[in-house]
Amino acid sequence: MALRCCGAQFDPARERRREGVEEPFCPSATGRRVVNHTGGVHSGLAGSAMVTFRSMLEEDIPAALTLWQGLPGIGLRDADSPAALARYLRRNPGCSFVALGAAGELVGVSLAGHDGRRGYLHHVAVAEAFRGRGIGRALFDRCAGALRAEGVEKINLWVKADNAAGLAFWKRVGGSERTELVTVSIVLGDNPNA
């Protein structure tokens, strides 16, 4: 719920995201639904392990890189260096999220940010052993909620052409393929892998 104070809007959930406060997301009984802090409703996680979500912190970068490097469909470049990722998180506080397993291990991550008008998602991933439990959807919902709170009304993302599972996931959460567009990149330095 958003509150107004002195003409400014205060959203307690948004402030918790910016501060990196952990929010548990427990499995529910079959057929029950769980409401998360962004107002989205998720079917309960399958399985028995509790998963906790919180804003991504710079300390999460090494574990995120390890997860991304081990998954098909994720393409990392030199722009995904720890220093560049830390800079991205500082530019977009409270927009990226991690999912932590019961032992505190990183089992999912979503890197999100915006340019003031459009939101962008990068490297949204869930460890293979934790897929099918609603974690990817919960990460997306948190990112979408954070971007919406920043005034963003549209999110863009890129899916590798051979990542059929990734494309199917994005279609399930409401994404639509833009076949009329072509991605154009311009390298500004000497590094072709930038």
N, C-alpha and C. Protein backbone atom coordinates (compact mmCIF):
# COMPACT_ATOMS: atom_id res chain seq x y z
N MET A 1 0.84 -1.16 0.00
CA MET A 1 0.00 0.00 0.00
C MET A 1 0.89 1.23 0.00
N ALA A 2 0.63 2.20 -0.86
CA ALA A 2 1.40 3.43 -0.92
C ALA A 2 0.74 4.48 -0.02
N LEU A 3 1.56 5.26 0.64
CA LEU A 3 1.08 6.32 1.52
C LEU A 3 1.57 7.66 0.99
N ARG A 4 0.83 8.70 1.22
CA ARG A 4 1.26 10.03 0.83
C ARG A 4 1.68 10.80 2.08
N CYS A 5 2.78 11.49 1.98
CA CYS A 5 3.27 12.31 3.08
C CYS A 5 3.86 13.57 2.48
N CYS A 6 3.34 14.71 2.84
CA CYS A 6 3.85 16.00 2.35
C CYS A 6 3.89 16.04 0.83
N GLY A 7 2.92 15.44 0.18
CA GLY A 7 2.85 15.47 -1.28
C GLY A 7 3.66 14.39 -1.96
N ALA A 8 4.57 13.71 -1.22
CA ALA A 8 5.38 12.65 -1.81
C ALA A 8 4.73 11.31 -1.52
N GLN A 9 4.96 10.36 -2.39
CA GLN A 9 4.39 9.04 -2.19
C GLN A 9 5.42 8.15 -1.52
N PHE A 10 5.01 7.45 -0.47
CA PHE A 10 5.86 6.51 0.25
C PHE A 10 5.26 5.13 0.12
N ASP A 11 6.03 4.20 -0.37
CA ASP A 11 5.58 2.83 -0.55
C ASP A 11 6.46 1.95 0.32
N PRO A 12 5.92 1.43 1.45
CA PRO A 12 6.75 0.61 2.34
C PRO A 12 7.38 -0.59 1.65
N ALA A 13 6.66 -1.24 0.76
CA ALA A 13 7.23 -2.41 0.06
C ALA A 13 8.42 -1.99 -0.79
N ARG A 14 8.31 -0.84 -1.44
CA ARG A 14 9.41 -0.34 -2.27
C ARG A 14 10.63 -0.05 -1.40
N GLU A 15 10.42 0.54 -0.26
CA GLU A 15 11.53 0.84 0.64
C GLU A 15 12.19 -0.44 1.14
N ARG A 16 11.42 -1.48 1.42
CA ARG A 16 12.01 -2.76 1.84
C ARG A 16 12.88 -3.32 0.72
N ARG A 17 12.41 -3.21 -0.54
CA ARG A 17 13.21 -3.71 -1.66
C ARG A 17 14.52 -2.94 -1.75
N ARG A 18 14.47 -1.63 -1.63
CA ARG A 18 15.68 -0.82 -1.73
C ARG A 18 16.67 -1.15 -0.62
N GLU A 19 16.16 -1.54 0.55
CA GLU A 19 17.02 -1.84 1.70
C GLU A 19 17.49 -3.29 1.69
N GLY A 20 17.04 -4.11 0.76
CA GLY A 20 17.47 -5.50 0.67
C GLY A 20 16.84 -6.39 1.72
N VAL A 21 15.68 -6.03 2.23
CA VAL A 21 15.01 -6.83 3.25
C VAL A 21 14.54 -8.15 2.65
N GLU A 22 14.80 -9.24 3.36
CA GLU A 22 14.40 -10.56 2.88
C GLU A 22 12.91 -10.78 3.09
N GLU A 23 12.28 -11.42 2.13
CA GLU A 23 10.87 -11.75 2.22
C GLU A 23 10.70 -13.22 1.89
N PRO A 24 10.24 -14.03 2.86
CA PRO A 24 10.07 -15.45 2.59
C PRO A 24 8.91 -15.71 1.64
N PHE A 25 9.03 -16.77 0.89
CA PHE A 25 8.00 -17.21 -0.04
C PHE A 25 7.91 -18.70 0.15
N CYS A 26 7.00 -19.15 0.98
CA CYS A 26 6.89 -20.56 1.35
C CYS A 26 5.98 -21.30 0.39
N PRO A 27 6.24 -22.60 0.24
CA PRO A 27 5.31 -23.40 -0.56
C PRO A 27 3.95 -23.41 0.13
N SER A 28 2.92 -23.38 -0.66
CA SER A 28 1.58 -23.47 -0.09
C SER A 28 0.97 -24.80 -0.49
N ALA A 29 -0.12 -25.12 0.14
CA ALA A 29 -0.80 -26.36 -0.21
C ALA A 29 -1.30 -26.28 -1.64
N THR A 30 -1.43 -27.41 -2.28
CA THR A 30 -1.90 -27.46 -3.66
C THR A 30 -3.20 -26.69 -3.80
N GLY A 31 -3.27 -25.85 -4.81
CA GLY A 31 -4.49 -25.09 -5.07
C GLY A 31 -4.57 -23.79 -4.30
N ARG A 32 -3.67 -23.57 -3.33
CA ARG A 32 -3.69 -22.31 -2.59
C ARG A 32 -2.82 -21.31 -3.32
N ARG A 33 -3.00 -20.06 -3.03
CA ARG A 33 -2.24 -19.02 -3.70
C ARG A 33 -1.54 -18.16 -2.67
N VAL A 34 -0.42 -17.56 -3.06
CA VAL A 34 0.38 -16.73 -2.18
C VAL A 34 0.45 -15.35 -2.79
N VAL A 35 0.26 -14.32 -1.99
CA VAL A 35 0.35 -12.94 -2.49
C VAL A 35 1.70 -12.40 -2.09
N ASN A 36 2.45 -11.88 -3.06
CA ASN A 36 3.76 -11.31 -2.71
C ASN A 36 3.64 -9.82 -2.48
N HIS A 37 4.74 -9.19 -2.06
CA HIS A 37 4.70 -7.78 -1.68
C HIS A 37 4.45 -6.83 -2.84
N THR A 38 4.62 -7.26 -4.07
CA THR A 38 4.40 -6.36 -5.20
C THR A 38 2.95 -6.38 -5.64
N GLY A 39 2.11 -7.15 -4.96
CA GLY A 39 0.71 -7.22 -5.32
C GLY A 39 0.39 -8.33 -6.29
N GLY A 40 1.43 -9.02 -6.80
CA GLY A 40 1.18 -10.12 -7.72
C GLY A 40 0.75 -11.35 -6.95
N VAL A 41 -0.01 -12.21 -7.58
CA VAL A 41 -0.46 -13.44 -6.95
C VAL A 41 0.20 -14.61 -7.65
N HIS A 42 0.80 -15.51 -6.88
CA HIS A 42 1.48 -16.67 -7.43
C HIS A 42 0.86 -17.93 -6.91
N SER A 43 0.85 -18.96 -7.73
CA SER A 43 0.53 -20.27 -7.20
C SER A 43 1.66 -20.63 -6.26
N GLY A 44 1.39 -21.44 -5.27
CA GLY A 44 2.43 -21.80 -4.30
C GLY A 44 3.57 -22.54 -4.96
N LEU A 45 4.77 -22.41 -4.39
CA LEU A 45 5.92 -23.12 -4.89
C LEU A 45 5.75 -24.60 -4.68
N ALA A 46 6.13 -25.37 -5.67
CA ALA A 46 6.09 -26.82 -5.52
C ALA A 46 7.29 -27.25 -4.69
N GLY A 47 7.26 -28.39 -4.12
CA GLY A 47 8.38 -28.86 -3.30
C GLY A 47 8.22 -28.38 -1.88
N SER A 48 9.22 -28.64 -1.06
CA SER A 48 9.06 -28.33 0.35
C SER A 48 10.01 -27.28 0.87
N ALA A 49 11.02 -26.87 0.11
CA ALA A 49 12.00 -25.93 0.61
C ALA A 49 11.49 -24.49 0.52
N MET A 50 11.72 -23.75 1.59
CA MET A 50 11.35 -22.33 1.58
C MET A 50 12.37 -21.57 0.74
N VAL A 51 11.90 -20.62 -0.02
CA VAL A 51 12.75 -19.75 -0.81
C VAL A 51 12.51 -18.33 -0.34
N THR A 52 13.59 -17.58 -0.15
CA THR A 52 13.51 -16.20 0.30
C THR A 52 13.94 -15.28 -0.82
N PHE A 53 13.23 -14.18 -1.02
CA PHE A 53 13.55 -13.20 -2.05
C PHE A 53 13.99 -11.91 -1.38
N ARG A 54 14.96 -11.25 -2.00
CA ARG A 54 15.36 -9.92 -1.55
C ARG A 54 16.03 -9.20 -2.71
N SER A 55 16.21 -7.90 -2.53
CA SER A 55 16.92 -7.12 -3.54
C SER A 55 18.33 -7.66 -3.71
N MET A 56 18.80 -7.63 -4.93
CA MET A 56 20.16 -8.08 -5.21
C MET A 56 21.15 -7.06 -4.66
N LEU A 57 22.19 -7.56 -4.02
CA LEU A 57 23.25 -6.73 -3.46
C LEU A 57 24.55 -6.99 -4.22
N GLU A 58 25.48 -6.07 -4.11
CA GLU A 58 26.77 -6.28 -4.79
C GLU A 58 27.44 -7.57 -4.33
N GLU A 59 27.23 -7.96 -3.08
CA GLU A 59 27.83 -9.19 -2.56
C GLU A 59 27.28 -10.44 -3.26
N ASP A 60 26.14 -10.32 -3.95
CA ASP A 60 25.53 -11.45 -4.66
C ASP A 60 26.15 -11.68 -6.03
N ILE A 61 26.93 -10.76 -6.51
CA ILE A 61 27.44 -10.84 -7.89
C ILE A 61 28.24 -12.11 -8.15
N PRO A 62 29.19 -12.52 -7.31
CA PRO A 62 29.93 -13.75 -7.62
C PRO A 62 29.02 -14.98 -7.75
N ALA A 63 28.06 -15.13 -6.84
CA ALA A 63 27.14 -16.27 -6.93
C ALA A 63 26.26 -16.17 -8.16
N ALA A 64 25.82 -14.96 -8.51
CA ALA A 64 25.00 -14.77 -9.72
C ALA A 64 25.81 -15.17 -10.96
N LEU A 65 27.05 -14.73 -11.03
CA LEU A 65 27.89 -15.08 -12.18
C LEU A 65 28.08 -16.59 -12.27
N THR A 66 28.27 -17.25 -11.13
CA THR A 66 28.41 -18.70 -11.13
C THR A 66 27.16 -19.37 -11.66
N LEU A 67 25.99 -18.91 -11.22
CA LEU A 67 24.72 -19.47 -11.71
C LEU A 67 24.59 -19.24 -13.21
N TRP A 68 24.79 -18.00 -13.66
CA TRP A 68 24.64 -17.68 -15.07
C TRP A 68 25.59 -18.49 -15.95
N GLN A 69 26.85 -18.64 -15.49
CA GLN A 69 27.85 -19.36 -16.29
C GLN A 69 27.50 -20.83 -16.46
N GLY A 70 26.75 -21.39 -15.52
CA GLY A 70 26.42 -22.80 -15.59
C GLY A 70 25.13 -23.13 -16.31
N LEU A 71 24.46 -22.14 -16.86
CA LEU A 71 23.16 -22.39 -17.48
C LEU A 71 23.19 -22.17 -18.99
N PRO A 72 22.58 -23.10 -19.74
CA PRO A 72 22.43 -22.86 -21.18
C PRO A 72 21.42 -21.73 -21.39
N GLY A 73 21.58 -21.01 -22.47
CA GLY A 73 20.63 -19.93 -22.77
C GLY A 73 21.05 -18.58 -22.22
N ILE A 74 22.09 -18.56 -21.39
CA ILE A 74 22.59 -17.29 -20.83
C ILE A 74 23.91 -16.99 -21.51
N GLY A 75 24.01 -15.82 -22.10
CA GLY A 75 25.24 -15.41 -22.76
C GLY A 75 25.87 -14.25 -22.00
N LEU A 76 27.06 -14.47 -21.46
CA LEU A 76 27.75 -13.41 -20.73
C LEU A 76 28.82 -12.79 -21.61
N ARG A 77 29.03 -11.50 -21.40
CA ARG A 77 30.03 -10.76 -22.16
C ARG A 77 30.92 -10.02 -21.16
N ASP A 78 31.89 -9.31 -21.67
CA ASP A 78 32.77 -8.55 -20.78
C ASP A 78 32.00 -7.48 -20.00
N ALA A 79 30.87 -7.03 -20.54
CA ALA A 79 30.04 -6.04 -19.84
C ALA A 79 29.40 -6.64 -18.59
N ASP A 80 29.52 -7.95 -18.40
CA ASP A 80 29.00 -8.61 -17.21
C ASP A 80 30.09 -8.85 -16.18
N SER A 81 31.11 -8.02 -16.18
CA SER A 81 32.17 -8.12 -15.18
C SER A 81 31.60 -7.73 -13.81
N PRO A 82 32.21 -8.17 -12.72
CA PRO A 82 31.71 -7.77 -11.40
C PRO A 82 31.63 -6.25 -11.23
N ALA A 83 32.61 -5.52 -11.73
CA ALA A 83 32.59 -4.05 -11.59
C ALA A 83 31.42 -3.44 -12.38
N ALA A 84 31.18 -3.93 -13.59
CA ALA A 84 30.08 -3.40 -14.40
C ALA A 84 28.73 -3.76 -13.80
N LEU A 85 28.60 -4.97 -13.25
CA LEU A 85 27.34 -5.36 -12.62
C LEU A 85 27.09 -4.54 -11.35
N ALA A 86 28.14 -4.28 -10.58
CA ALA A 86 27.99 -3.44 -9.38
C ALA A 86 27.53 -2.03 -9.77
N ARG A 87 28.10 -1.49 -10.83
CA ARG A 87 27.70 -0.17 -11.32
C ARG A 87 26.22 -0.18 -11.73
N TYR A 88 25.78 -1.24 -12.39
CA TYR A 88 24.38 -1.37 -12.81
C TYR A 88 23.45 -1.41 -11.60
N LEU A 89 23.82 -2.17 -10.58
CA LEU A 89 22.99 -2.25 -9.38
C LEU A 89 22.90 -0.88 -8.68
N ARG A 90 24.00 -0.15 -8.64
CA ARG A 90 23.98 1.19 -8.01
C ARG A 90 23.12 2.16 -8.81
N ARG A 91 23.10 2.04 -10.12
CA ARG A 91 22.26 2.92 -10.96
C ARG A 91 20.78 2.59 -10.86
N ASN A 92 20.47 1.36 -10.47
CA ASN A 92 19.09 0.87 -10.45
C ASN A 92 18.78 0.20 -9.11
N PRO A 93 18.89 0.93 -8.00
CA PRO A 93 18.70 0.30 -6.69
C PRO A 93 17.28 -0.24 -6.52
N GLY A 94 17.20 -1.45 -5.96
CA GLY A 94 15.91 -2.05 -5.65
C GLY A 94 15.17 -2.63 -6.83
N CYS A 95 15.79 -2.71 -8.00
CA CYS A 95 15.11 -3.24 -9.19
C CYS A 95 15.49 -4.69 -9.48
N SER A 96 16.63 -5.16 -9.01
CA SER A 96 17.10 -6.53 -9.25
C SER A 96 16.88 -7.35 -7.99
N PHE A 97 16.64 -8.66 -8.18
CA PHE A 97 16.31 -9.52 -7.04
C PHE A 97 17.03 -10.85 -7.11
N VAL A 98 17.19 -11.46 -5.95
CA VAL A 98 17.73 -12.82 -5.85
C VAL A 98 16.74 -13.69 -5.09
N ALA A 99 16.81 -14.98 -5.37
CA ALA A 99 16.06 -16.00 -4.63
C ALA A 99 17.10 -16.85 -3.91
N LEU A 100 16.89 -17.03 -2.61
CA LEU A 100 17.82 -17.80 -1.79
C LEU A 100 17.14 -19.05 -1.28
N GLY A 101 17.85 -20.20 -1.37
CA GLY A 101 17.33 -21.45 -0.86
C GLY A 101 17.40 -21.48 0.66
N ALA A 102 16.92 -22.56 1.24
CA ALA A 102 16.83 -22.69 2.69
C ALA A 102 18.19 -22.54 3.37
N ALA A 103 19.27 -22.93 2.70
CA ALA A 103 20.61 -22.82 3.28
C ALA A 103 21.26 -21.48 2.95
N GLY A 104 20.52 -20.57 2.32
CA GLY A 104 21.06 -19.26 1.97
C GLY A 104 21.77 -19.20 0.64
N GLU A 105 21.76 -20.29 -0.11
CA GLU A 105 22.42 -20.32 -1.41
C GLU A 105 21.56 -19.61 -2.46
N LEU A 106 22.21 -18.97 -3.40
CA LEU A 106 21.50 -18.27 -4.47
C LEU A 106 20.97 -19.31 -5.46
N VAL A 107 19.64 -19.33 -5.63
CA VAL A 107 19.01 -20.30 -6.54
C VAL A 107 18.32 -19.61 -7.71
N GLY A 108 18.25 -18.29 -7.69
CA GLY A 108 17.64 -17.54 -8.79
C GLY A 108 18.07 -16.10 -8.71
N VAL A 109 18.05 -15.43 -9.86
CA VAL A 109 18.48 -14.04 -9.92
C VAL A 109 17.79 -13.35 -11.10
N SER A 110 17.49 -12.09 -10.94
CA SER A 110 16.93 -11.29 -12.02
C SER A 110 17.56 -9.91 -11.97
N LEU A 111 18.23 -9.54 -13.04
CA LEU A 111 18.91 -8.25 -13.14
C LEU A 111 17.99 -7.32 -13.92
N ALA A 112 17.57 -6.22 -13.29
CA ALA A 112 16.63 -5.31 -13.93
C ALA A 112 17.04 -3.86 -13.69
N GLY A 113 16.68 -3.03 -14.64
CA GLY A 113 16.95 -1.60 -14.51
C GLY A 113 16.12 -0.83 -15.51
N HIS A 114 16.34 0.47 -15.56
CA HIS A 114 15.57 1.29 -16.50
C HIS A 114 16.36 2.53 -16.88
N ASP A 115 15.90 3.17 -17.94
CA ASP A 115 16.53 4.40 -18.40
C ASP A 115 15.63 5.61 -18.17
N GLY A 116 14.59 5.44 -17.36
CA GLY A 116 13.64 6.51 -17.09
C GLY A 116 12.36 6.37 -17.89
N ARG A 117 12.38 5.59 -18.95
CA ARG A 117 11.17 5.40 -19.76
C ARG A 117 10.89 3.94 -20.06
N ARG A 118 11.92 3.11 -20.24
CA ARG A 118 11.74 1.69 -20.50
C ARG A 118 12.52 0.89 -19.47
N GLY A 119 11.94 -0.24 -19.09
CA GLY A 119 12.63 -1.16 -18.19
C GLY A 119 13.33 -2.23 -19.00
N TYR A 120 14.36 -2.80 -18.41
CA TYR A 120 15.14 -3.84 -19.08
C TYR A 120 15.42 -4.98 -18.11
N LEU A 121 15.26 -6.20 -18.59
CA LEU A 121 15.59 -7.38 -17.81
C LEU A 121 16.77 -8.07 -18.49
N HIS A 122 17.72 -8.50 -17.66
CA HIS A 122 18.90 -9.20 -18.14
C HIS A 122 19.14 -10.43 -17.29
N HIS A 123 19.47 -11.52 -17.90
CA HIS A 123 19.94 -12.71 -17.19
C HIS A 123 18.99 -13.18 -16.08
N VAL A 124 17.72 -13.23 -16.34
CA VAL A 124 16.78 -13.79 -15.37
C VAL A 124 16.97 -15.31 -15.42
N ALA A 125 17.34 -15.90 -14.29
CA ALA A 125 17.69 -17.32 -14.30
C ALA A 125 17.35 -17.98 -12.97
N VAL A 126 17.02 -19.26 -13.05
CA VAL A 126 16.76 -20.09 -11.87
C VAL A 126 17.58 -21.37 -12.04
N ALA A 127 18.25 -21.79 -10.97
CA ALA A 127 19.02 -23.03 -11.01
C ALA A 127 18.12 -24.18 -11.46
N GLU A 128 18.65 -25.04 -12.30
CA GLU A 128 17.83 -26.10 -12.89
C GLU A 128 17.10 -26.95 -11.85
N ALA A 129 17.73 -27.21 -10.71
CA ALA A 129 17.11 -28.04 -9.68
C ALA A 129 15.92 -27.35 -9.00
N PHE A 130 15.78 -26.04 -9.20
CA PHE A 130 14.72 -25.28 -8.56
C PHE A 130 13.65 -24.80 -9.54
N ARG A 131 13.75 -25.21 -10.79
CA ARG A 131 12.77 -24.78 -11.79
C ARG A 131 11.43 -25.46 -11.58
N GLY A 132 10.37 -24.84 -12.11
CA GLY A 132 9.03 -25.41 -12.01
C GLY A 132 8.37 -25.16 -10.67
N ARG A 133 8.92 -24.27 -9.86
CA ARG A 133 8.38 -23.99 -8.54
C ARG A 133 7.81 -22.58 -8.42
N GLY A 134 7.80 -21.83 -9.52
CA GLY A 134 7.28 -20.47 -9.48
C GLY A 134 8.31 -19.42 -9.14
N ILE A 135 9.57 -19.81 -9.01
CA ILE A 135 10.63 -18.87 -8.62
C ILE A 135 10.89 -17.85 -9.72
N GLY A 136 10.97 -18.30 -10.96
CA GLY A 136 11.20 -17.37 -12.07
C GLY A 136 10.09 -16.35 -12.17
N ARG A 137 8.86 -16.80 -12.04
CA ARG A 137 7.71 -15.88 -12.09
C ARG A 137 7.76 -14.89 -10.93
N ALA A 138 8.12 -15.38 -9.73
CA ALA A 138 8.20 -14.50 -8.57
C ALA A 138 9.30 -13.47 -8.74
N LEU A 139 10.44 -13.86 -9.32
CA LEU A 139 11.51 -12.89 -9.58
C LEU A 139 11.03 -11.84 -10.58
N PHE A 140 10.39 -12.31 -11.67
CA PHE A 140 9.87 -11.37 -12.66
C PHE A 140 8.87 -10.40 -12.03
N ASP A 141 7.94 -10.92 -11.24
CA ASP A 141 6.92 -10.06 -10.62
C ASP A 141 7.55 -9.00 -9.73
N ARG A 142 8.60 -9.36 -9.01
CA ARG A 142 9.27 -8.38 -8.15
C ARG A 142 9.95 -7.30 -8.99
N CYS A 143 10.63 -7.71 -10.05
CA CYS A 143 11.27 -6.73 -10.94
C CYS A 143 10.23 -5.82 -11.58
N ALA A 144 9.15 -6.42 -12.08
CA ALA A 144 8.09 -5.63 -12.72
C ALA A 144 7.48 -4.65 -11.73
N GLY A 145 7.27 -5.08 -10.50
CA GLY A 145 6.72 -4.19 -9.48
C GLY A 145 7.67 -3.03 -9.17
N ALA A 146 8.95 -3.33 -9.07
CA ALA A 146 9.94 -2.28 -8.79
C ALA A 146 10.01 -1.29 -9.96
N LEU A 147 9.99 -1.80 -11.19
CA LEU A 147 10.04 -0.91 -12.35
C LEU A 147 8.76 -0.09 -12.46
N ARG A 148 7.63 -0.71 -12.19
CA ARG A 148 6.35 0.02 -12.21
C ARG A 148 6.39 1.15 -11.18
N ALA A 149 6.94 0.89 -10.01
CA ALA A 149 7.04 1.92 -8.96
C ALA A 149 7.94 3.08 -9.39
N GLU A 150 8.82 2.84 -10.36
CA GLU A 150 9.69 3.90 -10.90
C GLU A 150 9.03 4.63 -12.07
N GLY A 151 7.79 4.25 -12.40
CA GLY A 151 7.07 4.91 -13.48
C GLY A 151 7.25 4.27 -14.84
N VAL A 152 7.88 3.11 -14.88
CA VAL A 152 8.12 2.41 -16.15
C VAL A 152 6.85 1.63 -16.52
N GLU A 153 6.44 1.75 -17.78
CA GLU A 153 5.23 1.07 -18.24
C GLU A 153 5.50 -0.06 -19.23
N LYS A 154 6.76 -0.25 -19.64
CA LYS A 154 7.07 -1.31 -20.59
C LYS A 154 8.46 -1.85 -20.28
N ILE A 155 8.60 -3.17 -20.37
CA ILE A 155 9.88 -3.83 -20.13
C ILE A 155 10.33 -4.51 -21.42
N ASN A 156 11.60 -4.33 -21.75
CA ASN A 156 12.20 -5.01 -22.89
C ASN A 156 13.24 -6.00 -22.38
N LEU A 157 13.40 -7.09 -23.10
CA LEU A 157 14.42 -8.06 -22.75
C LEU A 157 14.84 -8.79 -24.01
N TRP A 158 15.95 -9.49 -23.92
CA TRP A 158 16.47 -10.23 -25.05
C TRP A 158 16.56 -11.69 -24.68
N VAL A 159 16.18 -12.55 -25.62
CA VAL A 159 16.26 -14.00 -25.44
C VAL A 159 17.10 -14.53 -26.59
N LYS A 160 18.09 -15.36 -26.26
CA LYS A 160 18.91 -15.95 -27.33
C LYS A 160 18.00 -16.77 -28.25
N ALA A 161 18.27 -16.70 -29.55
CA ALA A 161 17.41 -17.34 -30.55
C ALA A 161 17.24 -18.83 -30.32
N ASP A 162 18.25 -19.50 -29.74
CA ASP A 162 18.15 -20.95 -29.53
C ASP A 162 17.64 -21.32 -28.13
N ASN A 163 17.16 -20.34 -27.36
CA ASN A 163 16.68 -20.59 -26.01
C ASN A 163 15.15 -20.75 -26.02
N ALA A 164 14.69 -21.90 -26.49
CA ALA A 164 13.24 -22.15 -26.61
C ALA A 164 12.56 -22.12 -25.25
N ALA A 165 13.20 -22.68 -24.22
CA ALA A 165 12.59 -22.69 -22.88
C ALA A 165 12.45 -21.26 -22.35
N GLY A 166 13.45 -20.43 -22.57
CA GLY A 166 13.38 -19.05 -22.13
C GLY A 166 12.27 -18.29 -22.84
N LEU A 167 12.17 -18.46 -24.14
CA LEU A 167 11.12 -17.77 -24.90
C LEU A 167 9.74 -18.24 -24.45
N ALA A 168 9.59 -19.53 -24.20
CA ALA A 168 8.30 -20.05 -23.72
C ALA A 168 7.95 -19.45 -22.36
N PHE A 169 8.94 -19.32 -21.47
CA PHE A 169 8.69 -18.72 -20.16
C PHE A 169 8.18 -17.28 -20.32
N TRP A 170 8.86 -16.49 -21.14
CA TRP A 170 8.47 -15.08 -21.28
C TRP A 170 7.08 -14.95 -21.90
N LYS A 171 6.73 -15.84 -22.79
CA LYS A 171 5.37 -15.82 -23.35
C LYS A 171 4.34 -16.17 -22.28
N ARG A 172 4.68 -17.11 -21.37
CA ARG A 172 3.76 -17.47 -20.29
C ARG A 172 3.50 -16.32 -19.33
N VAL A 173 4.48 -15.45 -19.14
CA VAL A 173 4.29 -14.32 -18.20
C VAL A 173 3.77 -13.07 -18.91
N GLY A 174 3.40 -13.20 -20.19
CA GLY A 174 2.77 -12.10 -20.89
C GLY A 174 3.61 -11.40 -21.93
N GLY A 175 4.81 -11.90 -22.18
CA GLY A 175 5.67 -11.28 -23.18
C GLY A 175 5.22 -11.62 -24.59
N SER A 176 5.57 -10.75 -25.52
CA SER A 176 5.27 -11.02 -26.93
C SER A 176 6.53 -10.76 -27.75
N GLU A 177 6.79 -11.67 -28.67
CA GLU A 177 7.96 -11.57 -29.52
C GLU A 177 7.79 -10.42 -30.51
N ARG A 178 8.82 -9.60 -30.67
CA ARG A 178 8.78 -8.46 -31.59
C ARG A 178 9.57 -8.82 -32.85
N THR A 179 8.93 -9.47 -33.79
CA THR A 179 9.61 -9.94 -34.99
C THR A 179 9.93 -8.80 -35.97
N GLU A 180 9.33 -7.63 -35.75
CA GLU A 180 9.59 -6.50 -36.65
C GLU A 180 10.85 -5.73 -36.29
N LEU A 181 11.52 -6.13 -35.20
CA LEU A 181 12.72 -5.43 -34.74
C LEU A 181 13.96 -6.28 -34.95
N VAL A 182 15.08 -5.61 -35.14
CA VAL A 182 16.39 -6.24 -35.22
C VAL A 182 17.27 -5.53 -34.21
N THR A 183 18.05 -6.27 -33.43
CA THR A 183 18.97 -5.66 -32.48
C THR A 183 20.20 -5.18 -33.23
N VAL A 184 20.59 -3.95 -32.98
CA VAL A 184 21.78 -3.36 -33.57
C VAL A 184 22.69 -2.94 -32.42
N SER A 185 23.94 -3.35 -32.46
CA SER A 185 24.91 -2.99 -31.43
C SER A 185 26.04 -2.19 -32.05
N ILE A 186 26.54 -1.23 -31.31
CA ILE A 186 27.69 -0.43 -31.74
C ILE A 186 28.72 -0.50 -30.62
N VAL A 187 29.90 -1.05 -30.91
CA VAL A 187 30.98 -1.16 -29.93
C VAL A 187 31.72 0.16 -29.92
N LEU A 188 31.82 0.79 -28.77
CA LEU A 188 32.44 2.11 -28.66
C LEU A 188 33.94 2.05 -28.37
N GLY A 189 34.45 0.90 -28.01
CA GLY A 189 35.88 0.77 -27.70
C GLY A 189 36.52 -0.26 -28.61
N ASP A 190 37.64 -0.81 -28.13
CA ASP A 190 38.39 -1.78 -28.90
C ASP A 190 38.00 -3.23 -28.61
N ASN A 191 37.10 -3.44 -27.63
CA ASN A 191 36.75 -4.79 -27.22
C ASN A 191 35.50 -5.27 -27.96
N PRO A 192 35.64 -6.21 -28.89
CA PRO A 192 34.47 -6.71 -29.62
C PRO A 192 33.53 -7.54 -28.75
N ASN A 193 33.97 -7.93 -27.55
CA ASN A 193 33.14 -8.72 -26.63
C ASN A 193 32.56 -7.84 -25.52
N ALA A 194 32.47 -6.55 -25.77
CA ALA A 194 31.97 -5.61 -24.75
C ALA A 194 30.51 -5.86 -24.47
